[in-house]
Amino acid sequence: MQECAEPVGLVAKFTFGTQNDADGDNPDLFRLTGPQNVGLELGNADKKTMRPGEEIRMNALGTGKDYEFYVRLRETKPTVRGGVVKLPVAVLVEFEG
């Protein structure tokens, strides 16, 4: 966030993807094409899982500060098979005061 006024009282709302992006075996994960039996998990700064298409809210940050998110691959069922991981995820960010 560069050149923004200090966001006193503002809330940032993030939505990653849509519910249609959820893995069929584990709806907490994003569905991948390529590798089999593996999904992509996104987490907030506390490493709490963020489900596809569900809004998360946090205090808005001021100039020069960063939002932290985490990502990892998770097995959805036994026998993971390799492949190229490529997943575009739409990110919606809204601010409310």
C-alpha atoms as a PDB file:
ATOM      1  CA  MET A   1       0.000   0.000   0.000  1.00  0.00           C
ATOM      2  CA  GLN A   2       1.842   3.085  -1.201  1.00  0.00           C
ATOM      3  CA  GLU A   3       0.805   6.711  -0.861  1.00  0.00           C
ATOM      4  CA  CYS A   4      -2.406   5.969   1.068  1.00  0.00           C
ATOM      5  CA  ALA A   5      -3.709   7.957   3.998  1.00  0.00           C
ATOM      6  CA  GLU A   6      -3.535   6.187   7.365  1.00  0.00           C
ATOM      7  CA  PRO A   7      -6.581   3.900   7.391  1.00  0.00           C
ATOM      8  CA  VAL A   8      -7.892   4.590  10.905  1.00  0.00           C
ATOM      9  CA  GLY A   9     -11.150   2.661  11.329  1.00  0.00           C
ATOM     10  CA  LEU A  10     -11.019   1.081   7.861  1.00  0.00           C
ATOM     11  CA  VAL A  11     -11.511  -2.655   7.308  1.00  0.00           C
ATOM     12  CA  ALA A  12      -9.997  -4.535   4.365  1.00  0.00           C
ATOM     13  CA  LYS A  13     -12.135  -7.370   2.998  1.00  0.00           C
ATOM     14  CA  PHE A  14     -10.371 -10.001   0.871  1.00  0.00           C
ATOM     15  CA  THR A  15     -11.975 -12.734  -1.216  1.00  0.00           C
ATOM     16  CA  PHE A  16      -9.709 -15.217  -3.008  1.00  0.00           C
ATOM     17  CA  GLY A  17     -11.386 -16.964  -5.939  1.00  0.00           C
ATOM     18  CA  THR A  18     -14.943 -18.278  -5.825  1.00  0.00           C
ATOM     19  CA  GLN A  19     -16.599 -21.326  -4.303  1.00  0.00           C
ATOM     20  CA  ASN A  20     -16.322 -22.907  -7.773  1.00  0.00           C
ATOM     21  CA  ASP A  21     -12.534 -22.963  -7.278  1.00  0.00           C
ATOM     22  CA  ALA A  22     -12.825 -25.398  -4.344  1.00  0.00           C
ATOM     23  CA  ASP A  23     -11.366 -28.886  -4.585  1.00  0.00           C
ATOM     24  CA  GLY A  24     -14.030 -31.601  -4.858  1.00  0.00           C
ATOM     25  CA  ASP A  25     -12.410 -33.727  -2.142  1.00  0.00           C
ATOM     26  CA  ASN A  26     -11.577 -30.911   0.289  1.00  0.00           C
ATOM     27  CA  PRO A  27     -13.539 -27.638  -0.058  1.00  0.00           C
ATOM     28  CA  ASP A  28     -10.976 -25.817   2.141  1.00  0.00           C
ATOM     29  CA  LEU A  29      -8.480 -26.089  -0.734  1.00  0.00           C
ATOM     30  CA  PHE A  30      -8.281 -24.692  -4.253  1.00  0.00           C
ATOM     31  CA  ARG A  31      -8.653 -27.275  -7.040  1.00  0.00           C
ATOM     32  CA  LEU A  32      -5.557 -27.799  -9.159  1.00  0.00           C
ATOM     33  CA  THR A  33      -5.193 -29.159 -12.655  1.00  0.00           C
ATOM     34  CA  GLY A  34      -2.031 -31.104 -13.405  1.00  0.00           C
ATOM     35  CA  PRO A  35      -1.072 -32.853 -10.177  1.00  0.00           C
ATOM     36  CA  GLN A  36      -3.586 -35.380  -8.894  1.00  0.00           C
ATOM     37  CA  ASN A  37      -4.920 -35.710  -5.337  1.00  0.00           C
ATOM     38  CA  VAL A  38      -3.418 -32.425  -4.196  1.00  0.00           C
ATOM     39  CA  GLY A  39      -4.921 -28.975  -3.621  1.00  0.00           C
ATOM     40  CA  LEU A  40      -3.645 -25.489  -2.855  1.00  0.00           C
ATOM     41  CA  GLU A  41      -4.198 -24.083   0.633  1.00  0.00           C
ATOM     42  CA  LEU A  42      -4.159 -20.326   1.257  1.00  0.00           C
ATOM     43  CA  GLY A  43      -3.747 -18.953   4.786  1.00  0.00           C
ATOM     44  CA  ASN A  44      -3.897 -15.576   6.476  1.00  0.00           C
ATOM     45  CA  ALA A  45      -1.118 -14.045   8.599  1.00  0.00           C
ATOM     46  CA  ASP A  46      -2.106 -16.386  11.462  1.00  0.00           C
ATOM     47  CA  LYS A  47      -1.866 -19.302   8.991  1.00  0.00           C
ATOM     48  CA  LYS A  48      -5.603 -19.929   9.328  1.00  0.00           C
ATOM     49  CA  THR A  49      -7.021 -21.532   6.165  1.00  0.00           C
ATOM     50  CA  MET A  50      -8.927 -19.221   3.833  1.00  0.00           C
ATOM     51  CA  ARG A  51     -11.565 -21.122   1.866  1.00  0.00           C
ATOM     52  CA  PRO A  52     -12.147 -20.343  -1.822  1.00  0.00           C
ATOM     53  CA  GLY A  53     -14.764 -17.619  -2.265  1.00  0.00           C
ATOM     54  CA  GLU A  54     -15.152 -16.784   1.422  1.00  0.00           C
ATOM     55  CA  GLU A  55     -14.540 -13.240   2.604  1.00  0.00           C
ATOM     56  CA  ILE A  56     -11.957 -12.554   5.284  1.00  0.00           C
ATOM     57  CA  ARG A  57     -11.779  -9.252   7.126  1.00  0.00           C
ATOM     58  CA  MET A  58      -8.814  -7.526   8.717  1.00  0.00           C
ATOM     59  CA  ASN A  59      -7.799  -4.053   9.746  1.00  0.00           C
ATOM     60  CA  ALA A  60      -6.623  -1.953   6.816  1.00  0.00           C
ATOM     61  CA  LEU A  61      -2.885  -1.220   6.792  1.00  0.00           C
ATOM     62  CA  GLY A  62      -1.124   2.075   6.234  1.00  0.00           C
ATOM     63  CA  THR A  63       1.488   3.161   3.723  1.00  0.00           C
ATOM     64  CA  GLY A  64       4.524   0.885   3.486  1.00  0.00           C
ATOM     65  CA  LYS A  65       2.929  -2.048   5.328  1.00  0.00           C
ATOM     66  CA  ASP A  66       2.181  -5.432   3.763  1.00  0.00           C
ATOM     67  CA  TYR A  67      -0.624  -7.942   4.080  1.00  0.00           C
ATOM     68  CA  GLU A  68       0.750 -11.432   4.729  1.00  0.00           C
ATOM     69  CA  PHE A  69      -0.702 -14.575   3.187  1.00  0.00           C
ATOM     70  CA  TYR A  70       0.652 -18.115   3.073  1.00  0.00           C
ATOM     71  CA  VAL A  71       0.318 -20.882   0.509  1.00  0.00           C
ATOM     72  CA  ARG A  72       1.126 -24.584   0.506  1.00  0.00           C
ATOM     73  CA  LEU A  73       0.183 -27.775  -1.324  1.00  0.00           C
ATOM     74  CA  ARG A  74      -1.932 -30.278   0.627  1.00  0.00           C
ATOM     75  CA  GLU A  75      -2.848 -33.873  -0.118  1.00  0.00           C
ATOM     76  CA  THR A  76      -6.583 -34.326  -0.765  1.00  0.00           C
ATOM     77  CA  LYS A  77      -6.507 -38.132  -0.814  1.00  0.00           C
ATOM     78  CA  PRO A  78      -3.809 -40.846  -0.975  1.00  0.00           C
ATOM     79  CA  THR A  79      -1.393 -41.314  -3.855  1.00  0.00           C
ATOM     80  CA  VAL A  80      -0.394 -37.822  -4.924  1.00  0.00           C
ATOM     81  CA  ARG A  81       0.710 -37.716  -8.557  1.00  0.00           C
ATOM     82  CA  GLY A  82       2.983 -34.975  -9.831  1.00  0.00           C
ATOM     83  CA  GLY A  83       2.349 -32.366 -12.449  1.00  0.00           C
ATOM     84  CA  VAL A  84       2.862 -28.700 -13.239  1.00  0.00           C
ATOM     85  CA  VAL A  85       1.098 -26.397 -10.778  1.00  0.00           C
ATOM     86  CA  LYS A  86      -0.413 -23.361 -12.431  1.00  0.00           C
ATOM     87  CA  LEU A  87      -3.425 -21.685 -10.862  1.00  0.00           C
ATOM     88  CA  PRO A  88      -4.721 -18.192 -11.522  1.00  0.00           C
ATOM     89  CA  VAL A  89      -6.740 -16.946  -8.540  1.00  0.00           C
ATOM     90  CA  ALA A  90      -8.858 -13.804  -8.714  1.00  0.00           C
ATOM     91  CA  VAL A  91      -8.481 -11.597  -5.623  1.00  0.00           C
ATOM     92  CA  LEU A  92     -11.192  -9.104  -4.657  1.00  0.00           C
ATOM     93  CA  VAL A  93     -10.220  -6.400  -2.145  1.00  0.00           C
ATOM     94  CA  GLU A  94     -12.754  -3.968  -0.714  1.00  0.00           C
ATOM     95  CA  PHE A  95     -12.280  -1.318   1.964  1.00  0.00           C
ATOM     96  CA  GLU A  96     -15.058  -0.125   4.229  1.00  0.00           C
ATOM     97  CA  GLY A  97     -15.016   2.527   6.907  1.00  0.00           C
END
